């Protein structure tokens, strides 16, 4: 059963990295504000893919530390390993920030630093931390204008490389700021402590996720149809920036649904070669994430004849069908690379490097 669980988890990670391809290629080259036709389909991956990505990162950390008992020496060693990995991701993320202002890895460093000191608590406390992270964000929202340093027309953030600007971005109003996005990570820690090999767990989390998702969707529909309260509409419909409570609940619900489905699927296809091949892609999400922001973006720019400098430029949008086609093509290339790499190596290039620096 342990094998099945791992395959289901890694298949979910494979989906998440594919979703990130679509989101990020669309942000740079597509018309992200167009909500019609195929553009609408691409936009649906936006908050949901990043949310699942972060939740799965939390799950991975929980699965990595899921033994029944640890000595104090074991706990200290694990905590130090996680803190080193957090620093590694933070530094890599800041380097990526030079070409990709929407980087998520340096935020991961923040989530993992918090998580290093929460690992050995009872799992129920992870949900309390999630609630506190969301509450903290909403308190900050009433103190600091969310648009501070932002130009939402160009999606550019000024003063990032100043101490005050960086702190504001990192903890409050960045793309995936610690508050409230830590909530997704600690919810992932909670999920990683569940008995996913049991069908009842899969059913329960799927049901909870569906209720959360449909409740928010229903409230949005009712308010948009029957209410003239602009502020209420803005709070309920807020999408990613700012990540208000309805967004947090809705995307968490979607994450529960998706993870439950992939865990269930893992039970059915654990012995299938194609499933294990796809799972290997999920095991190299760090490498593929870095690859698509470096090789992928510049390759797409070259093919499409567009400019890419990491900054918003005035240029024609790439049609959504080509963004989807390139995302699929780049995923296939990532799959082929994974197959070739794993013939000789157990872990991906950046996964191996991270393990080396955290030894």
Protein backbone atom coordinates (compact mmCIF):
# COMPACT_ATOMS: atom_id res chain seq x y z
CA UNK A 1 0.00 0.00 0.00
CA UNK A 2 2.86 2.40 0.70
CA UNK A 3 3.84 2.16 -2.96
CA UNK A 4 0.34 3.08 -4.09
CA UNK A 5 0.31 6.07 -1.81
CA UNK A 6 3.55 7.38 -3.23
CA UNK A 7 2.38 6.97 -6.83
CA UNK A 8 -0.87 8.81 -6.13
CA UNK A 9 1.04 11.63 -4.47
CA UNK A 10 3.57 11.91 -7.30
CA UNK A 11 0.86 11.80 -9.97
CA UNK A 12 -0.70 14.80 -8.24
CA UNK A 13 2.68 16.54 -8.35
CA UNK A 14 2.91 15.74 -12.07
CA UNK A 15 -0.44 17.43 -12.62
CA UNK A 16 0.65 20.43 -10.53
CA UNK A 17 3.83 21.05 -12.54
CA UNK A 18 1.90 20.78 -15.80
CA UNK A 19 -0.57 23.33 -14.42
CA UNK A 20 2.32 25.63 -13.52
CA UNK A 21 3.58 25.42 -17.11
CA UNK A 22 0.20 26.63 -18.37
CA UNK A 23 -0.12 29.39 -15.76
CA UNK A 24 3.33 30.87 -16.19
CA UNK A 25 3.50 30.66 -19.98
CA UNK A 26 0.08 32.31 -20.05
CA UNK A 27 1.09 35.10 -17.63
CA UNK A 28 4.06 36.05 -19.80
CA UNK A 29 2.73 35.55 -23.31
CA UNK A 30 -1.06 35.37 -23.02
CA UNK A 31 -3.90 37.77 -22.32
CA UNK A 32 -4.28 36.94 -18.66
CA UNK A 33 -7.19 39.34 -18.20
CA UNK A 34 -9.30 37.81 -21.00
CA UNK A 35 -11.90 35.48 -19.49
CA UNK A 36 -13.53 34.19 -22.67
CA UNK A 37 -13.21 30.93 -24.58
CA UNK A 38 -9.91 29.08 -24.35
CA UNK A 39 -8.41 31.99 -22.39
CA UNK A 40 -10.92 31.27 -19.64
CA UNK A 41 -9.87 27.60 -19.61
CA UNK A 42 -6.21 28.56 -19.23
CA UNK A 43 -7.02 31.05 -16.46
CA UNK A 44 -8.72 28.28 -14.47
CA UNK A 45 -5.28 26.82 -13.73
CA UNK A 46 -4.12 30.06 -12.08
CA UNK A 47 -4.77 29.90 -8.33
CA UNK A 48 -5.59 26.20 -8.28
CA UNK A 49 -2.27 24.97 -9.69
CA UNK A 50 -0.12 27.08 -7.35
CA UNK A 51 -2.30 26.07 -4.40
CA UNK A 52 -1.97 22.37 -5.13
CA UNK A 53 1.77 22.87 -5.72
CA UNK A 54 2.21 24.32 -2.22
CA UNK A 55 -0.10 21.82 -0.51
CA UNK A 56 1.80 18.94 -2.09
CA UNK A 57 5.09 20.45 -0.89
CA UNK A 58 3.70 20.36 2.64
CA UNK A 59 2.52 16.79 2.13
CA UNK A 60 5.96 15.81 0.87
CA UNK A 61 7.59 17.16 4.00
CA UNK A 62 5.09 15.31 6.18
CA UNK A 63 5.64 12.04 4.31
CA UNK A 64 9.39 12.50 4.62
CA UNK A 65 9.04 12.67 8.44
CA UNK A 66 6.21 10.18 8.96
CA UNK A 67 7.85 7.61 11.22
CA UNK A 68 6.03 6.59 14.38
CA UNK A 69 8.73 7.84 16.74
CA UNK A 70 11.91 9.89 16.65
CA UNK A 71 14.63 10.41 19.22
CA UNK A 72 15.55 13.98 20.12
CA UNK A 73 18.73 13.55 18.08
CA UNK A 74 16.68 12.41 15.06
CA UNK A 75 14.38 15.42 15.39
CA UNK A 76 17.31 17.84 15.57
CA UNK A 77 18.93 16.26 12.51
CA UNK A 78 15.70 16.42 10.50
CA UNK A 79 15.06 20.02 11.53
CA UNK A 80 18.56 21.03 10.46
CA UNK A 81 18.13 19.24 7.12
CA UNK A 82 14.85 21.05 6.47
CA UNK A 83 16.31 24.43 7.43
CA UNK A 84 19.22 23.88 5.02
CA UNK A 85 16.78 22.97 2.25
CA UNK A 86 14.71 26.03 3.08
CA UNK A 87 17.80 28.23 2.70
CA UNK A 88 18.70 26.50 -0.57
CA UNK A 89 15.24 27.16 -2.04
CA UNK A 90 15.28 30.73 -0.75
CA UNK A 91 18.60 31.48 -2.50
CA UNK A 92 17.62 29.70 -5.74
CA UNK A 93 14.31 31.58 -5.70
CA UNK A 94 15.99 34.96 -5.29
CA UNK A 95 18.26 34.14 -8.24
CA UNK A 96 15.20 33.26 -10.34
CA UNK A 97 13.57 36.51 -9.21
CA UNK A 98 16.01 38.36 -11.46
CA UNK A 99 14.24 36.95 -14.52
CA UNK A 100 10.92 35.83 -13.03
CA UNK A 101 9.27 38.27 -10.61
CA UNK A 102 6.52 35.76 -9.74
CA UNK A 103 8.95 33.17 -8.30
CA UNK A 104 7.53 30.87 -5.65
CA UNK A 105 10.68 29.07 -4.45
CA UNK A 106 11.95 31.78 -2.11
CA UNK A 107 8.52 31.75 -0.45
CA UNK A 108 8.92 27.98 -0.05
CA UNK A 109 12.00 28.78 1.99
CA UNK A 110 9.75 30.77 4.33
CA UNK A 111 7.10 28.06 4.59
CA UNK A 112 9.70 25.37 5.29
CA UNK A 113 11.42 27.46 7.96
CA UNK A 114 8.14 27.69 9.86
CA UNK A 115 7.40 24.01 9.20
CA UNK A 116 10.78 22.90 10.60
CA UNK A 117 9.57 23.91 14.07
CA UNK A 118 6.08 22.43 13.66
CA UNK A 119 6.89 18.98 12.30
CA UNK A 120 6.49 16.90 15.42
CA UNK A 121 3.28 18.47 16.71
CA UNK A 122 -0.04 16.65 16.65
CA UNK A 123 -1.53 17.05 13.17
CA UNK A 124 -4.54 19.00 14.46
CA UNK A 125 -2.23 21.93 15.25
CA UNK A 126 -1.34 22.24 11.57
CA UNK A 127 -4.90 23.36 10.87
CA UNK A 128 -4.69 25.88 13.70
CA UNK A 129 -1.52 27.31 12.16
CA UNK A 130 -3.33 27.48 8.81
CA UNK A 131 -6.14 29.47 10.41
CA UNK A 132 -3.68 31.80 12.15
CA UNK A 133 -1.82 32.41 8.86
CA UNK A 134 -5.07 33.40 7.13
CA UNK A 135 -6.17 35.57 10.06
CA UNK A 136 -2.77 37.29 10.15
CA UNK A 137 -3.09 38.20 6.48
CA UNK A 138 -6.54 39.70 6.98
CA UNK A 139 -5.34 41.75 9.95
CA UNK A 140 -2.45 43.06 7.84
CA UNK A 141 -4.92 43.78 5.02
CA UNK A 142 -6.68 46.34 7.23
CA UNK A 143 -3.39 47.91 8.32
CA UNK A 144 -1.32 48.01 5.11
CA UNK A 145 -2.92 48.78 1.73
CA UNK A 146 -2.54 45.63 -0.35
CA UNK A 147 -1.59 47.65 -3.43
CA UNK A 148 1.57 48.95 -1.68
CA UNK A 149 4.45 48.82 -4.19
CA UNK A 150 2.23 47.16 -6.82
CA UNK A 151 1.40 48.27 -10.33
CA UNK A 152 -1.44 45.88 -11.14
CA UNK A 153 -1.64 47.11 -14.73
CA UNK A 154 1.80 45.65 -15.50
CA UNK A 155 1.99 43.20 -12.55
CA UNK A 156 5.28 44.80 -11.50
CA UNK A 157 6.36 45.19 -7.87
CA UNK A 158 8.60 48.16 -7.04
CA UNK A 159 11.10 48.38 -4.16
CA UNK A 160 11.44 44.60 -4.00
CA UNK A 161 15.19 44.83 -3.39
CA UNK A 162 14.85 47.21 -0.44
CA UNK A 163 14.57 45.79 3.09
CA UNK A 164 11.11 47.25 3.70
CA UNK A 165 9.81 46.38 0.23
CA UNK A 166 11.14 42.84 0.43
CA UNK A 167 9.65 42.25 3.88
CA UNK A 168 6.27 43.56 2.76
CA UNK A 169 6.34 41.37 -0.34
CA UNK A 170 7.65 38.27 1.43
CA UNK A 171 5.29 38.30 4.38
CA UNK A 172 2.19 40.08 3.09
CA UNK A 173 1.50 41.11 -0.49
CA UNK A 174 3.82 39.11 -2.75
CA UNK A 175 2.60 36.55 -5.26
CA UNK A 176 2.71 33.73 -2.69
CA UNK A 177 3.53 35.61 0.51
CA UNK A 178 4.05 33.74 3.77
CA UNK A 179 0.75 35.14 5.06
CA UNK A 180 -1.63 33.62 4.08
CA UNK A 181 0.07 31.05 1.78
CA UNK A 182 1.72 29.31 4.72
CA UNK A 183 -1.82 28.01 5.35
CA UNK A 184 -1.66 25.87 2.20
CA UNK A 185 1.70 24.44 3.25
CA UNK A 186 0.61 23.58 6.79
CA UNK A 187 -2.67 22.15 5.47
CA UNK A 188 -0.45 19.98 3.29
CA UNK A 189 1.41 18.88 6.42
CA UNK A 190 -1.96 17.85 7.86
CA UNK A 191 -2.87 15.94 4.71
CA UNK A 192 0.47 14.17 4.74
CA UNK A 193 -0.30 12.74 8.16
CA UNK A 194 -3.56 11.11 7.03
CA UNK A 195 -3.94 7.43 6.12
CA UNK A 196 -4.37 7.88 2.39
CA UNK A 197 -4.22 4.17 1.69
CA UNK A 198 -7.69 3.96 3.27
CA UNK A 199 -10.63 4.55 0.94
CA UNK A 200 -12.56 6.29 3.74
CA UNK A 201 -9.86 8.97 3.96
CA UNK A 202 -10.05 9.56 0.22
CA UNK A 203 -13.85 9.82 0.32
CA UNK A 204 -13.89 12.09 3.36
CA UNK A 205 -11.35 14.56 2.01
CA UNK A 206 -13.00 14.56 -1.41
CA UNK A 207 -16.36 15.36 0.21
CA UNK A 208 -14.92 18.14 2.39
CA UNK A 209 -13.17 19.61 -0.64
CA UNK A 210 -16.32 19.50 -2.75
CA UNK A 211 -18.36 21.20 -0.01
CA UNK A 212 -15.77 23.97 0.39
CA UNK A 213 -15.46 24.55 -3.34
CA UNK A 214 -19.20 24.51 -4.10
CA UNK A 215 -20.06 26.66 -1.06
CA UNK A 216 -17.78 29.47 -2.20
CA UNK A 217 -18.93 29.07 -5.81
CA UNK A 218 -22.58 29.25 -4.68
CA UNK A 219 -21.95 32.35 -2.55
CA UNK A 220 -20.19 34.06 -5.45
CA UNK A 221 -23.09 33.27 -7.76
CA UNK A 222 -25.71 34.54 -5.32
CA UNK A 223 -23.88 37.76 -4.48
CA UNK A 224 -23.02 38.51 -8.11
CA UNK A 225 -26.63 37.95 -9.14
CA UNK A 226 -28.62 39.50 -6.32
CA UNK A 227 -26.36 41.94 -4.44
CA UNK A 228 -25.26 45.44 -5.39
CA UNK A 229 -22.71 45.53 -2.59
CA UNK A 230 -19.48 46.18 -4.50
CA UNK A 231 -17.20 45.54 -1.51
CA UNK A 232 -18.83 42.15 -0.83
CA UNK A 233 -18.48 41.20 -4.48
CA UNK A 234 -14.81 42.18 -4.46
CA UNK A 235 -14.08 40.08 -1.37
CA UNK A 236 -15.92 37.01 -2.67
CA UNK A 237 -14.46 37.24 -6.18
CA UNK A 238 -10.89 38.19 -5.20
CA UNK A 239 -8.60 35.90 -7.18
CA UNK A 240 -4.98 35.33 -6.12
CA UNK A 241 -4.19 39.00 -5.55
CA UNK A 242 -5.38 39.61 -2.89
CA UNK A 243 -5.87 36.06 -1.52
CA UNK A 244 -8.96 36.71 0.62
CA UNK A 245 -10.70 34.03 2.71
CA UNK A 246 -13.09 32.86 -0.08
CA UNK A 247 -10.10 32.30 -2.41
CA UNK A 248 -8.28 30.38 0.33
CA UNK A 249 -11.28 28.15 1.03
CA UNK A 250 -12.19 27.58 -2.61
CA UNK A 251 -8.68 26.67 -3.75
CA UNK A 252 -8.11 24.52 -0.65
CA UNK A 253 -11.31 22.69 -1.52
CA UNK A 254 -10.09 22.18 -5.07
CA UNK A 255 -6.79 20.87 -3.69
CA UNK A 256 -8.59 18.35 -1.47
CA UNK A 257 -10.66 17.14 -4.43
CA UNK A 258 -7.67 16.79 -6.72
CA UNK A 259 -5.36 15.11 -4.21
CA UNK A 260 -8.11 12.68 -3.18
CA UNK A 261 -8.76 11.76 -6.80
CA UNK A 262 -5.07 11.15 -7.50
CA UNK A 263 -4.68 9.07 -4.35
CA UNK A 264 -7.68 7.00 -5.46
CA UNK A 265 -6.23 6.73 -8.97
CA UNK A 266 -2.96 5.57 -7.46
CA UNK A 267 -4.74 2.54 -6.02
CA UNK A 268 -5.96 1.58 -9.48
CA UNK A 269 -2.82 2.13 -11.56
CA UNK A 270 0.05 1.49 -9.15
CA UNK A 271 1.27 -1.49 -11.21
CA UNK A 272 0.93 0.26 -14.59
CA UNK A 273 4.15 1.25 -16.34
CA UNK A 274 2.70 4.51 -17.70
CA UNK A 275 1.64 5.57 -14.20
CA UNK A 276 5.10 4.96 -12.79
CA UNK A 277 6.63 6.88 -15.70
CA UNK A 278 4.37 9.87 -15.04
CA UNK A 279 5.07 9.61 -11.31
CA UNK A 280 8.78 10.06 -12.05
CA UNK A 281 7.98 13.48 -13.56
CA UNK A 282 6.30 14.42 -10.28
CA UNK A 283 9.40 13.36 -8.35
CA UNK A 284 11.42 16.00 -10.25
CA UNK A 285 9.10 18.99 -9.82
CA UNK A 286 11.91 21.25 -8.55
CA UNK A 287 14.01 20.60 -11.65
CA UNK A 288 11.05 21.03 -14.00
CA UNK A 289 9.91 24.20 -12.23
CA UNK A 290 13.34 25.82 -12.65
CA UNK A 291 13.65 24.49 -16.20
CA UNK A 292 10.37 25.96 -17.47
CA UNK A 293 11.23 29.41 -16.06
CA UNK A 294 14.63 29.43 -17.74
CA UNK A 295 14.74 27.16 -20.79
CA UNK A 296 10.95 27.06 -21.32
CA UNK A 297 10.22 30.79 -21.29
CA UNK A 298 13.15 31.71 -23.48
CA UNK A 299 12.39 28.86 -25.90
CA UNK A 300 8.75 29.98 -26.19
CA UNK A 301 9.88 33.57 -26.75
CA UNK A 302 12.17 32.43 -29.55
CA UNK A 303 9.53 30.27 -31.23
CA UNK A 304 6.78 32.88 -30.95
CA UNK A 305 9.00 35.81 -31.93
CA UNK A 306 8.22 37.62 -28.66
CA UNK A 307 10.44 39.36 -26.17
CA UNK A 308 11.10 37.99 -22.72
CA UNK A 309 13.20 39.87 -20.22
CA UNK A 310 11.35 39.04 -17.01
CA UNK A 311 9.52 42.37 -17.27
CA UNK A 312 6.16 43.24 -18.79
CA UNK A 313 6.51 44.62 -22.31
CA UNK A 314 4.08 46.04 -24.84
CA UNK A 315 3.62 43.28 -27.39
CA UNK A 316 0.83 41.30 -28.99
CA UNK A 317 -0.54 38.37 -27.02
CA UNK A 318 0.12 34.82 -28.16
CA UNK A 319 -3.14 33.05 -29.00
CA UNK A 320 -4.29 30.72 -26.20
CA UNK A 321 -4.28 27.64 -28.44
CA UNK A 322 -0.53 28.10 -29.00
CA UNK A 323 0.10 28.60 -25.28
CA UNK A 324 -1.73 25.36 -24.53
CA UNK A 325 0.08 23.56 -27.36
CA UNK A 326 3.48 24.77 -26.16
CA UNK A 327 2.64 23.82 -22.54
CA UNK A 328 1.76 20.30 -23.65
CA UNK A 329 4.86 20.10 -25.85
CA UNK A 330 7.12 21.32 -23.05
CA UNK A 331 5.56 18.78 -20.69
CA UNK A 332 6.35 16.02 -23.21
CA UNK A 333 9.95 17.27 -23.42
CA UNK A 334 10.11 17.25 -19.60
CA UNK A 335 8.76 13.69 -19.60
CA UNK A 336 11.40 12.55 -22.10
CA UNK A 337 14.16 14.27 -20.11
CA UNK A 338 12.91 12.56 -16.94
CA UNK A 339 13.02 9.14 -18.58
CA UNK A 340 16.54 9.67 -19.88
CA UNK A 341 17.82 11.14 -16.61
CA UNK A 342 16.36 8.40 -14.38
CA UNK A 343 18.12 5.70 -16.38
CA UNK A 344 21.32 6.71 -14.59
CA UNK A 345 20.26 8.83 -11.60
CA UNK A 346 17.71 8.34 -8.85
CA UNK A 347 16.90 12.03 -8.26
CA UNK A 348 16.61 15.03 -10.57
CA UNK A 349 19.55 17.47 -11.01
CA UNK A 350 18.28 20.14 -8.61
CA UNK A 351 16.81 17.56 -6.23
CA UNK A 352 20.27 15.97 -6.04
CA UNK A 353 21.92 19.34 -5.47
CA UNK A 354 19.47 20.19 -2.70
CA UNK A 355 20.17 16.87 -0.98
CA UNK A 356 23.91 17.47 -1.23
CA UNK A 357 23.79 20.93 0.37
CA UNK A 358 21.48 19.74 3.17
CA UNK A 359 23.54 16.71 4.22
